[in-house]
Amino acid sequence: MFVQWQEDVTMLSIASNRNEDAEAVKTVAEARGLPTVLLDVDCQVADLFDAKTTPHVFAVDREGLLRYRGAVDDVAFRQRIPTRFFLDMAIESMLAGQLPAQSESPLFGCAIVREI
């Protein structure tokens, strides 16, 4: 559940798994309603941000400072329905001119495949 983040937020979806081809990424993006997914075939962006899993999200403020890194929400193996939306909370704080109360959260997802 993403809030309406106004026009002040740009979301980039980046696929960094080396074992996923462009067609597979396109199919998943269309199924999930993602307008554009950028391919990071050499994992340069993933390495730059030290991304570990998919998904692994990063919120950067207007000054280019990383303000949040971690999971989108609190879904895990034992909790399939989210109760906290970490990314939403971080973005809402930033839009209000505040630092996110939580700058990092535990990750849940599959490891990024960096080698084939």
Protein backbone atom coordinates (compact mmCIF):
# COMPACT_ATOMS: atom_id res chain seq x y z
CA MET A 1 0.00 0.00 0.00
CA PHE A 2 1.79 3.10 -1.20
CA VAL A 3 0.43 6.49 -0.27
CA GLN A 4 0.05 9.16 -2.91
CA TRP A 5 3.48 10.73 -2.71
CA GLN A 6 2.67 13.86 -4.70
CA GLU A 7 4.89 15.09 -7.49
CA ASP A 8 7.89 15.54 -5.18
CA VAL A 9 8.85 11.88 -5.26
CA THR A 10 10.46 9.90 -8.04
CA MET A 11 10.50 6.14 -7.76
CA LEU A 12 13.04 4.14 -9.71
CA SER A 13 12.57 0.40 -9.97
CA ILE A 14 15.86 -1.32 -10.72
CA ALA A 15 16.35 -5.01 -11.51
CA SER A 16 19.84 -6.11 -10.51
CA ASN A 17 19.62 -9.89 -10.71
CA ARG A 18 22.09 -11.08 -13.32
CA ASN A 19 19.99 -14.19 -13.97
CA GLU A 20 16.90 -12.23 -15.10
CA ASP A 21 16.66 -11.22 -18.74
CA ALA A 22 14.90 -8.13 -20.04
CA GLU A 23 11.80 -10.03 -21.13
CA ALA A 24 11.31 -11.66 -17.70
CA VAL A 25 11.71 -8.28 -15.98
CA LYS A 26 9.20 -6.71 -18.38
CA THR A 27 6.65 -9.46 -17.70
CA VAL A 28 6.93 -9.06 -13.91
CA ALA A 29 6.84 -5.26 -14.16
CA GLU A 30 3.63 -5.37 -16.17
CA ALA A 31 2.05 -7.84 -13.73
CA ARG A 32 2.91 -5.56 -10.79
CA GLY A 33 1.93 -2.32 -12.51
CA LEU A 34 5.44 -0.85 -12.54
CA PRO A 35 5.75 1.67 -15.37
CA THR A 36 9.48 1.26 -16.03
CA VAL A 37 12.12 -1.03 -14.59
CA LEU A 38 15.75 -0.19 -15.23
CA LEU A 39 18.14 -3.10 -15.81
CA ASP A 40 21.32 -3.14 -13.73
CA VAL A 41 22.91 -6.10 -15.48
CA ASP A 42 26.38 -5.55 -14.01
CA CYS A 43 25.00 -4.80 -10.51
CA GLN A 44 26.68 -1.39 -10.50
CA VAL A 45 23.72 0.33 -8.84
CA ALA A 46 23.19 -2.56 -6.41
CA ASP A 47 26.86 -2.42 -5.44
CA LEU A 48 26.80 1.38 -5.11
CA PHE A 49 23.95 1.21 -2.60
CA ASP A 50 25.10 -2.10 -1.07
CA ALA A 51 21.73 -3.65 -1.95
CA LYS A 52 21.39 -7.17 -0.55
CA THR A 53 17.94 -8.45 -1.49
CA THR A 54 15.12 -7.95 -3.88
CA PRO A 55 13.33 -5.87 -2.89
CA HIS A 56 15.71 -3.55 -1.05
CA VAL A 57 14.55 0.06 -1.06
CA PHE A 58 16.40 3.33 -0.59
CA ALA A 59 14.93 6.78 0.03
CA VAL A 60 17.13 9.72 -0.92
CA ASP A 61 16.16 13.29 -0.03
CA ARG A 62 16.26 16.43 -2.21
CA GLU A 63 19.88 17.04 -1.24
CA GLY A 64 20.86 13.57 -2.38
CA LEU A 65 21.29 12.16 1.15
CA LEU A 66 20.24 8.61 1.91
CA ARG A 67 17.54 8.85 4.59
CA TYR A 68 16.06 5.34 4.61
CA ARG A 69 17.22 1.88 3.57
CA GLY A 70 15.56 -1.45 4.10
CA ALA A 71 12.28 -3.20 3.46
CA VAL A 72 9.13 -1.78 1.93
CA ASP A 73 7.06 -3.16 4.81
CA ASP A 74 7.19 -5.71 7.63
CA VAL A 75 6.17 -8.78 5.62
CA ALA A 76 8.20 -11.88 6.51
CA PHE A 77 7.85 -15.68 6.36
CA ARG A 78 5.75 -15.72 9.53
CA GLN A 79 3.86 -12.52 8.75
CA ARG A 80 2.41 -12.44 5.24
CA ILE A 81 0.14 -9.43 5.72
CA PRO A 82 1.94 -6.13 6.29
CA THR A 83 1.15 -4.07 9.38
CA ARG A 84 3.87 -1.42 9.02
CA PHE A 85 4.81 0.31 5.79
CA PHE A 86 8.39 1.46 6.38
CA LEU A 87 8.91 3.09 2.99
CA ASP A 88 5.63 5.00 3.17
CA MET A 89 6.51 6.29 6.64
CA ALA A 90 9.96 7.41 5.50
CA ILE A 91 8.64 9.21 2.42
CA GLU A 92 5.83 10.89 4.38
CA SER A 93 8.39 12.19 6.92
CA MET A 94 10.66 13.49 4.20
CA LEU A 95 7.79 15.24 2.42
CA ALA A 96 6.92 16.90 5.73
CA GLY A 97 10.49 18.20 5.98
CA GLN A 98 11.48 15.77 8.74
CA LEU A 99 13.92 12.91 9.04
CA PRO A 100 12.32 9.48 9.07
CA ALA A 101 11.85 8.14 12.60
CA GLN A 102 13.29 4.85 11.35
CA SER A 103 16.25 5.13 8.98
CA GLU A 104 16.74 1.40 8.48
CA SER A 105 14.70 -1.78 8.72
CA PRO A 106 15.42 -5.51 8.46
CA LEU A 107 15.26 -6.99 4.97
CA PHE A 108 13.02 -9.74 3.70
CA GLY A 109 13.49 -11.05 0.20
CA CYS A 110 15.69 -13.10 -2.07
CA ALA A 111 19.40 -12.39 -2.31
CA ILE A 112 20.47 -10.42 -5.37
CA VAL A 113 22.15 -12.74 -7.87
CA ARG A 114 25.44 -11.08 -8.77
CA GLU A 115 27.02 -13.98 -10.69
CA ILE A 116 25.59 -16.49 -13.11
